[in-house]
Amino acid sequence: MSAIQVKDVRKVYRRDTQEVPVLDGLTLNVAAGDCVALMGPAGSGKTTLLNLIGGIDAPTSGEIVVGEKDIGKLRGRQLAKWRS
């Protein structure tokens, strides 16, 4: 069973009328107890992915499931409770 499931996640930031795609169709499964290192050049989306998994930011599309909770669908108080 996966502790973290990232399914076809896309994250786009908007700067005025310009779209800046950071993650495009990312899929990742991390099993409970696994140790994973995120490596890549600056601007490759490492921090964005961690912010999405931590519930700090929401994906533009796709799913992020931590444990059995789809955190991409949580809003407001539900998300604050989950973070704590």
PDB file of N, CA and C in Angstrom:
ATOM      1  N   MET A   1       0.842  -1.198   0.000  1.00  0.00           N
ATOM      2  CA  MET A   1       0.000   0.000   0.000  1.00  0.00           C
ATOM      3  C   MET A   1       0.879   1.250   0.000  1.00  0.00           C
ATOM      4  N   SER A   2       0.492   2.220  -0.785  1.00  0.00           N
ATOM      5  CA  SER A   2       1.257   3.466  -0.868  1.00  0.00           C
ATOM      6  C   SER A   2       0.886   4.407   0.268  1.00  0.00           C
ATOM      7  N   ALA A   3       1.909   5.031   0.844  1.00  0.00           N
ATOM      8  CA  ALA A   3       1.683   6.066   1.847  1.00  0.00           C
ATOM      9  C   ALA A   3       1.385   7.388   1.156  1.00  0.00           C
ATOM     10  N   ILE A   4       2.006   7.585  -0.010  1.00  0.00           N
ATOM     11  CA  ILE A   4       1.793   8.797  -0.803  1.00  0.00           C
ATOM     12  C   ILE A   4       1.570   8.387  -2.249  1.00  0.00           C
ATOM     13  N   GLN A   5       0.476   8.876  -2.825  1.00  0.00           N
ATOM     14  CA  GLN A   5       0.180   8.632  -4.234  1.00  0.00           C
ATOM     15  C   GLN A   5      -0.033   9.976  -4.920  1.00  0.00           C
ATOM     16  N   VAL A   6       0.761  10.213  -5.922  1.00  0.00           N
ATOM     17  CA  VAL A   6       0.622  11.411  -6.743  1.00  0.00           C
ATOM     18  C   VAL A   6       0.217  10.896  -8.112  1.00  0.00           C
ATOM     19  N   LYS A   7      -0.985  11.251  -8.547  1.00  0.00           N
ATOM     20  CA  LYS A   7      -1.537  10.682  -9.778  1.00  0.00           C
ATOM     21  C   LYS A   7      -1.782  11.748 -10.834  1.00  0.00           C
ATOM     22  N   ASP A   8      -0.997  11.704 -11.895  1.00  0.00           N
ATOM     23  CA  ASP A   8      -1.164  12.581 -13.055  1.00  0.00           C
ATOM     24  C   ASP A   8      -1.338  14.049 -12.653  1.00  0.00           C
ATOM     25  N   VAL A   9      -0.463  14.506 -11.765  1.00  0.00           N
ATOM     26  CA  VAL A   9      -0.571  15.867 -11.219  1.00  0.00           C
ATOM     27  C   VAL A   9       0.034  16.889 -12.178  1.00  0.00           C
ATOM     28  N   ARG A  10      -0.706  17.963 -12.318  1.00  0.00           N
ATOM     29  CA  ARG A  10      -0.268  19.112 -13.117  1.00  0.00           C
ATOM     30  C   ARG A  10      -0.390  20.340 -12.219  1.00  0.00           C
ATOM     31  N   LYS A  11       0.645  21.169 -12.235  1.00  0.00           N
ATOM     32  CA  LYS A  11       0.614  22.426 -11.491  1.00  0.00           C
ATOM     33  C   LYS A  11       1.088  23.536 -12.409  1.00  0.00           C
ATOM     34  N   VAL A  12       0.231  24.525 -12.561  1.00  0.00           N
ATOM     35  CA  VAL A  12       0.536  25.677 -13.415  1.00  0.00           C
ATOM     36  C   VAL A  12       0.399  26.931 -12.560  1.00  0.00           C
ATOM     37  N   TYR A  13       1.425  27.759 -12.566  1.00  0.00           N
ATOM     38  CA  TYR A  13       1.356  29.066 -11.918  1.00  0.00           C
ATOM     39  C   TYR A  13       1.032  30.089 -12.989  1.00  0.00           C
ATOM     40  N   ARG A  14       0.310  31.114 -12.606  1.00  0.00           N
ATOM     41  CA  ARG A  14      -0.042  32.174 -13.547  1.00  0.00           C
ATOM     42  C   ARG A  14       0.671  33.457 -13.149  1.00  0.00           C
ATOM     43  N   ARG A  15       1.261  34.097 -14.137  1.00  0.00           N
ATOM     44  CA  ARG A  15       1.928  35.379 -13.954  1.00  0.00           C
ATOM     45  C   ARG A  15       1.320  36.319 -14.978  1.00  0.00           C
ATOM     46  N   ASP A  16       0.407  37.186 -14.530  1.00  0.00           N
ATOM     47  CA  ASP A  16      -0.389  38.042 -15.417  1.00  0.00           C
ATOM     48  C   ASP A  16      -1.150  37.141 -16.390  1.00  0.00           C
ATOM     49  N   THR A  17      -0.906  37.256 -17.661  1.00  0.00           N
ATOM     50  CA  THR A  17      -1.608  36.422 -18.644  1.00  0.00           C
ATOM     51  C   THR A  17      -0.786  35.194 -19.040  1.00  0.00           C
ATOM     52  N   GLN A  18       0.406  35.081 -18.496  1.00  0.00           N
ATOM     53  CA  GLN A  18       1.302  33.977 -18.851  1.00  0.00           C
ATOM     54  C   GLN A  18       1.108  32.794 -17.912  1.00  0.00           C
ATOM     55  N   GLU A  19       1.053  31.581 -18.468  1.00  0.00           N
ATOM     56  CA  GLU A  19       1.002  30.360 -17.675  1.00  0.00           C
ATOM     57  C   GLU A  19       2.396  29.758 -17.609  1.00  0.00           C
ATOM     58  N   VAL A  20       2.794  29.367 -16.400  1.00  0.00           N
ATOM     59  CA  VAL A  20       4.100  28.746 -16.199  1.00  0.00           C
ATOM     60  C   VAL A  20       3.872  27.330 -15.673  1.00  0.00           C
ATOM     61  N   PRO A  21       3.945  26.317 -16.544  1.00  0.00           N
ATOM     62  CA  PRO A  21       3.762  24.941 -16.074  1.00  0.00           C
ATOM     63  C   PRO A  21       4.999  24.474 -15.308  1.00  0.00           C
ATOM     64  N   VAL A  22       4.776  23.919 -14.115  1.00  0.00           N
ATOM     65  CA  VAL A  22       5.880  23.448 -13.289  1.00  0.00           C
ATOM     66  C   VAL A  22       5.896  21.923 -13.250  1.00  0.00           C
ATOM     67  N   LEU A  23       4.743  21.324 -13.026  1.00  0.00           N
ATOM     68  CA  LEU A  23       4.605  19.864 -13.054  1.00  0.00           C
ATOM     69  C   LEU A  23       3.572  19.532 -14.118  1.00  0.00           C
ATOM     70  N   ASP A  24       3.847  18.505 -14.909  1.00  0.00           N
ATOM     71  CA  ASP A  24       2.938  18.170 -16.007  1.00  0.00           C
ATOM     72  C   ASP A  24       2.784  16.655 -16.118  1.00  0.00           C
ATOM     73  N   GLY A  25       1.741  16.126 -15.496  1.00  0.00           N
ATOM     74  CA  GLY A  25       1.456  14.696 -15.584  1.00  0.00           C
ATOM     75  C   GLY A  25       2.318  13.839 -14.680  1.00  0.00           C
ATOM     76  N   LEU A  26       2.743  14.370 -13.537  1.00  0.00           N
ATOM     77  CA  LEU A  26       3.610  13.637 -12.618  1.00  0.00           C
ATOM     78  C   LEU A  26       2.837  12.542 -11.884  1.00  0.00           C
ATOM     79  N   THR A  27       3.384  11.345 -11.891  1.00  0.00           N
ATOM     80  CA  THR A  27       2.830  10.225 -11.133  1.00  0.00           C
ATOM     81  C   THR A  27       3.951   9.644 -10.281  1.00  0.00           C
ATOM     82  N   LEU A  28       3.646   9.432  -8.992  1.00  0.00           N
ATOM     83  CA  LEU A  28       4.646   8.939  -8.048  1.00  0.00           C
ATOM     84  C   LEU A  28       3.937   8.157  -6.960  1.00  0.00           C
ATOM     85  N   ASN A  29       4.468   7.003  -6.594  1.00  0.00           N
ATOM     86  CA  ASN A  29       3.949   6.222  -5.466  1.00  0.00           C
ATOM     87  C   ASN A  29       5.088   5.969  -4.503  1.00  0.00           C
ATOM     88  N   VAL A  30       4.851   6.287  -3.234  1.00  0.00           N
ATOM     89  CA  VAL A  30       5.842   6.045  -2.197  1.00  0.00           C
ATOM     90  C   VAL A  30       5.204   5.121  -1.166  1.00  0.00           C
ATOM     91  N   ALA A  31       5.794   3.945  -1.009  1.00  0.00           N
ATOM     92  CA  ALA A  31       5.267   2.970  -0.047  1.00  0.00           C
ATOM     93  C   ALA A  31       5.623   3.394   1.374  1.00  0.00           C
ATOM     94  N   ALA A  32       4.798   2.974   2.317  1.00  0.00           N
ATOM     95  CA  ALA A  32       5.080   3.239   3.724  1.00  0.00           C
ATOM     96  C   ALA A  32       6.447   2.673   4.073  1.00  0.00           C
ATOM     97  N   GLY A  33       7.260   3.462   4.753  1.00  0.00           N
ATOM     98  CA  GLY A  33       8.583   3.027   5.161  1.00  0.00           C
ATOM     99  C   GLY A  33       9.683   3.303   4.152  1.00  0.00           C
ATOM    100  N   ASP A  34       9.322   3.664   2.934  1.00  0.00           N
ATOM    101  CA  ASP A  34      10.328   3.973   1.921  1.00  0.00           C
ATOM    102  C   ASP A  34      10.970   5.331   2.192  1.00  0.00           C
ATOM    103  N   CYS A  35      12.204   5.479   1.755  1.00  0.00           N
ATOM    104  CA  CYS A  35      12.926   6.743   1.836  1.00  0.00           C
ATOM    105  C   CYS A  35      13.163   7.202   0.402  1.00  0.00           C
ATOM    106  N   VAL A  36      12.757   8.428   0.103  1.00  0.00           N
ATOM    107  CA  VAL A  36      12.850   8.943  -1.261  1.00  0.00           C
ATOM    108  C   VAL A  36      13.613  10.256  -1.248  1.00  0.00           C
ATOM    109  N   ALA A  37      14.478  10.441  -2.232  1.00  0.00           N
ATOM    110  CA  ALA A  37      15.195  11.709  -2.391  1.00  0.00           C
ATOM    111  C   ALA A  37      14.708  12.377  -3.668  1.00  0.00           C
ATOM    112  N   LEU A  38      14.403  13.654  -3.582  1.00  0.00           N
ATOM    113  CA  LEU A  38      14.030  14.443  -4.758  1.00  0.00           C
ATOM    114  C   LEU A  38      15.260  15.206  -5.212  1.00  0.00           C
ATOM    115  N   MET A  39      15.658  14.957  -6.431  1.00  0.00           N
ATOM    116  CA  MET A  39      16.846  15.606  -6.958  1.00  0.00           C
ATOM    117  C   MET A  39      16.546  16.186  -8.326  1.00  0.00           C
ATOM    118  N   GLY A  40      17.150  17.310  -8.621  1.00  0.00           N
ATOM    119  CA  GLY A  40      16.983  17.924  -9.931  1.00  0.00           C
ATOM    120  C   GLY A  40      17.477  19.349  -9.898  1.00  0.00           C
ATOM    121  N   PRO A  41      17.589  19.961 -11.054  1.00  0.00           N
ATOM    122  CA  PRO A  41      18.074  21.333 -11.111  1.00  0.00           C
ATOM    123  C   PRO A  41      17.058  22.318 -10.536  1.00  0.00           C
ATOM    124  N   ALA A  42      17.521  23.505 -10.241  1.00  0.00           N
ATOM    125  CA  ALA A  42      16.636  24.571  -9.769  1.00  0.00           C
ATOM    126  C   ALA A  42      15.522  24.782 -10.783  1.00  0.00           C
ATOM    127  N   GLY A  43      14.307  24.936 -10.273  1.00  0.00           N
ATOM    128  CA  GLY A  43      13.170  25.188 -11.147  1.00  0.00           C
ATOM    129  C   GLY A  43      12.518  23.940 -11.708  1.00  0.00           C
ATOM    130  N   SER A  44      12.945  22.768 -11.255  1.00  0.00           N
ATOM    131  CA  SER A  44      12.397  21.531 -11.812  1.00  0.00           C
ATOM    132  C   SER A  44      11.125  21.053 -11.107  1.00  0.00           C
ATOM    133  N   GLY A  45      10.713  21.728 -10.017  1.00  0.00           N
ATOM    134  CA  GLY A  45       9.450  21.395  -9.365  1.00  0.00           C
ATOM    135  C   GLY A  45       9.558  20.646  -8.056  1.00  0.00           C
ATOM    136  N   LYS A  46      10.756  20.514  -7.499  1.00  0.00           N
ATOM    137  CA  LYS A  46      10.936  19.778  -6.241  1.00  0.00           C
ATOM    138  C   LYS A  46      10.135  20.418  -5.096  1.00  0.00           C
ATOM    139  N   THR A  47      10.320  21.699  -4.896  1.00  0.00           N
ATOM    140  CA  THR A  47       9.626  22.397  -3.808  1.00  0.00           C
ATOM    141  C   THR A  47       8.130  22.432  -4.067  1.00  0.00           C
ATOM    142  N   THR A  48       7.735  22.612  -5.304  1.00  0.00           N
ATOM    143  CA  THR A  48       6.311  22.598  -5.649  1.00  0.00           C
ATOM    144  C   THR A  48       5.692  21.254  -5.271  1.00  0.00           C
ATOM    145  N   LEU A  49       6.367  20.167  -5.601  1.00  0.00           N
ATOM    146  CA  LEU A  49       5.850  18.836  -5.253  1.00  0.00           C
ATOM    147  C   LEU A  49       5.714  18.684  -3.741  1.00  0.00           C
ATOM    148  N   LEU A  50       6.714  19.103  -2.986  1.00  0.00           N
ATOM    149  CA  LEU A  50       6.633  18.997  -1.526  1.00  0.00           C
ATOM    150  C   LEU A  50       5.504  19.862  -0.966  1.00  0.00           C
ATOM    151  N   ASN A  51       5.305  21.059  -1.530  1.00  0.00           N
ATOM    152  CA  ASN A  51       4.196  21.920  -1.094  1.00  0.00           C
ATOM    153  C   ASN A  51       2.850  21.279  -1.385  1.00  0.00           C
ATOM    154  N   LEU A  52       2.741  20.584  -2.493  1.00  0.00           N
ATOM    155  CA  LEU A  52       1.495  19.893  -2.832  1.00  0.00           C
ATOM    156  C   LEU A  52       1.241  18.727  -1.884  1.00  0.00           C
ATOM    157  N   ILE A  53       2.270  17.918  -1.630  1.00  0.00           N
ATOM    158  CA  ILE A  53       2.121  16.776  -0.734  1.00  0.00           C
ATOM    159  C   ILE A  53       1.805  17.235   0.684  1.00  0.00           C
ATOM    160  N   GLY A  54       2.378  18.371   1.091  1.00  0.00           N
ATOM    161  CA  GLY A  54       2.141  18.910   2.435  1.00  0.00           C
ATOM    162  C   GLY A  54       0.847  19.680   2.573  1.00  0.00           C
ATOM    163  N   GLY A  55       0.093  19.825   1.496  1.00  0.00           N
ATOM    164  CA  GLY A  55      -1.174  20.540   1.567  1.00  0.00           C
ATOM    165  C   GLY A  55      -1.022  22.045   1.617  1.00  0.00           C
ATOM    166  N   ILE A  56       0.168  22.554   1.343  1.00  0.00           N
ATOM    167  CA  ILE A  56       0.401  23.996   1.349  1.00  0.00           C
ATOM    168  C   ILE A  56      -0.155  24.630   0.083  1.00  0.00           C
ATOM    169  N   ASP A  57      -0.141  23.866  -0.999  1.00  0.00           N
ATOM    170  CA  ASP A  57      -0.649  24.328  -2.287  1.00  0.00           C
ATOM    171  C   ASP A  57      -1.543  23.231  -2.855  1.00  0.00           C
ATOM    172  N   ALA A  58      -2.362  23.568  -3.836  1.00  0.00           N
ATOM    173  CA  ALA A  58      -3.269  22.588  -4.457  1.00  0.00           C
ATOM    174  C   ALA A  58      -2.866  22.377  -5.915  1.00  0.00           C
ATOM    175  N   PRO A  59      -3.020  21.160  -6.404  1.00  0.00           N
ATOM    176  CA  PRO A  59      -2.680  20.910  -7.803  1.00  0.00           C
ATOM    177  C   PRO A  59      -3.670  21.581  -8.745  1.00  0.00           C
ATOM    178  N   THR A  60      -3.216  21.923  -9.928  1.00  0.00           N
ATOM    179  CA  THR A  60      -4.106  22.436 -10.968  1.00  0.00           C
ATOM    180  C   THR A  60      -5.033  21.316 -11.420  1.00  0.00           C
ATOM    181  N   SER A  61      -4.478  20.112 -11.529  1.00  0.00           N
ATOM    182  CA  SER A  61      -5.279  18.920 -11.827  1.00  0.00           C
ATOM    183  C   SER A  61      -4.538  17.702 -11.305  1.00  0.00           C
ATOM    184  N   GLY A  62      -5.236  16.577 -11.245  1.00  0.00           N
ATOM    185  CA  GLY A  62      -4.652  15.349 -10.739  1.00  0.00           C
ATOM    186  C   GLY A  62      -5.029  15.126  -9.281  1.00  0.00           C
ATOM    187  N   GLU A  63      -4.491  14.061  -8.707  1.00  0.00           N
ATOM    188  CA  GLU A  63      -4.817  13.690  -7.328  1.00  0.00           C
ATOM    189  C   GLU A  63      -3.555  13.522  -6.503  1.00  0.00           C
ATOM    190  N   ILE A  64      -3.667  13.911  -5.228  1.00  0.00           N
ATOM    191  CA  ILE A  64      -2.605  13.655  -4.260  1.00  0.00           C
ATOM    192  C   ILE A  64      -3.261  13.019  -3.053  1.00  0.00           C
ATOM    193  N   VAL A  65      -2.895  11.767  -2.822  1.00  0.00           N
ATOM    194  CA  VAL A  65      -3.467  11.001  -1.720  1.00  0.00           C
ATOM    195  C   VAL A  65      -2.354  10.709  -0.728  1.00  0.00           C
ATOM    196  N   VAL A  66      -2.549  11.132   0.514  1.00  0.00           N
ATOM    197  CA  VAL A  66      -1.597  10.861   1.590  1.00  0.00           C
ATOM    198  C   VAL A  66      -2.344  10.029   2.619  1.00  0.00           C
ATOM    199  N   GLY A  67      -1.810   8.832   2.890  1.00  0.00           N
ATOM    200  CA  GLY A  67      -2.569   7.880   3.698  1.00  0.00           C
ATOM    201  C   GLY A  67      -3.750   7.452   2.850  1.00  0.00           C
ATOM    202  N   GLU A  68      -4.920   7.762   3.289  1.00  0.00           N
ATOM    203  CA  GLU A  68      -6.107   7.475   2.482  1.00  0.00           C
ATOM    204  C   GLU A  68      -6.912   8.737   2.203  1.00  0.00           C
ATOM    205  N   LYS A  69      -6.292   9.896   2.404  1.00  0.00           N
ATOM    206  CA  LYS A  69      -6.957  11.190   2.253  1.00  0.00           C
ATOM    207  C   LYS A  69      -6.524  11.870   0.974  1.00  0.00           C
ATOM    208  N   ASP A  70      -7.488  12.207   0.111  1.00  0.00           N
ATOM    209  CA  ASP A  70      -7.194  12.974  -1.104  1.00  0.00           C
ATOM    210  C   ASP A  70      -7.090  14.437  -0.694  1.00  0.00           C
ATOM    211  N   ILE A  71      -5.871  14.885  -0.427  1.00  0.00           N
ATOM    212  CA  ILE A  71      -5.694  16.224   0.130  1.00  0.00           C
ATOM    213  C   ILE A  71      -5.914  17.332  -0.887  1.00  0.00           C
ATOM    214  N   GLY A  72      -5.903  16.994  -2.155  1.00  0.00           N
ATOM    215  CA  GLY A  72      -6.174  17.994  -3.179  1.00  0.00           C
ATOM    216  C   GLY A  72      -7.613  18.483  -3.160  1.00  0.00           C
ATOM    217  N   LYS A  73      -8.498  17.716  -2.510  1.00  0.00           N
ATOM    218  CA  LYS A  73      -9.909  18.088  -2.435  1.00  0.00           C
ATOM    219  C   LYS A  73     -10.278  18.767  -1.124  1.00  0.00           C
ATOM    220  N   LEU A  74      -9.344  18.823  -0.181  1.00  0.00           N
ATOM    221  CA  LEU A  74      -9.633  19.457   1.103  1.00  0.00           C
ATOM    222  C   LEU A  74      -9.557  20.971   0.966  1.00  0.00           C
ATOM    223  N   ARG A  75     -10.415  21.660   1.659  1.00  0.00           N
ATOM    224  CA  ARG A  75     -10.433  23.127   1.646  1.00  0.00           C
ATOM    225  C   ARG A  75     -10.627  23.648   3.070  1.00  0.00           C
ATOM    226  N   GLY A  76     -10.206  24.865   3.282  1.00  0.00           N
ATOM    227  CA  GLY A  76     -10.468  25.591   4.528  1.00  0.00           C
ATOM    228  C   GLY A  76     -10.111  24.848   5.787  1.00  0.00           C
ATOM    229  N   ARG A  77     -11.096  24.677   6.663  1.00  0.00           N
ATOM    230  CA  ARG A  77     -10.876  24.065   7.958  1.00  0.00           C
ATOM    231  C   ARG A  77     -10.448  22.603   7.868  1.00  0.00           C
ATOM    232  N   GLN A  78     -10.986  21.891   6.876  1.00  0.00           N
ATOM    233  CA  GLN A  78     -10.588  20.486   6.697  1.00  0.00           C
ATOM    234  C   GLN A  78      -9.095  20.397   6.407  1.00  0.00           C
ATOM    235  N   LEU A  79      -8.607  21.273   5.555  1.00  0.00           N
ATOM    236  CA  LEU A  79      -7.197  21.264   5.198  1.00  0.00           C
ATOM    237  C   LEU A  79      -6.333  21.694   6.390  1.00  0.00           C
ATOM    238  N   ALA A  80      -6.768  22.700   7.126  1.00  0.00           N
ATOM    239  CA  ALA A  80      -6.030  23.148   8.309  1.00  0.00           C
ATOM    240  C   ALA A  80      -5.956  22.034   9.341  1.00  0.00           C
ATOM    241  N   LYS A  81      -7.050  21.317   9.530  1.00  0.00           N
ATOM    242  CA  LYS A  81      -7.075  20.195  10.486  1.00  0.00           C
ATOM    243  C   LYS A  81      -6.134  19.086  10.018  1.00  0.00           C
ATOM    244  N   TRP A  82      -6.153  18.795   8.734  1.00  0.00           N
ATOM    245  CA  TRP A  82      -5.282  17.741   8.208  1.00  0.00           C
ATOM    246  C   TRP A  82      -3.807  18.116   8.392  1.00  0.00           C
ATOM    247  N   ARG A  83      -3.465  19.375   8.129  1.00  0.00           N
ATOM    248  CA  ARG A  83      -2.081  19.826   8.280  1.00  0.00           C
ATOM    249  C   ARG A  83      -1.575  19.700   9.706  1.00  0.00           C
ATOM    250  N   SER A  84      -2.458  19.925  10.673  1.00  0.00           N
ATOM    251  CA  SER A  84      -2.034  19.893  12.069  1.00  0.00           C
ATOM    252  C   SER A  84      -1.898  18.476  12.556  1.00  0.00           C
TER     253      SER A  84
END
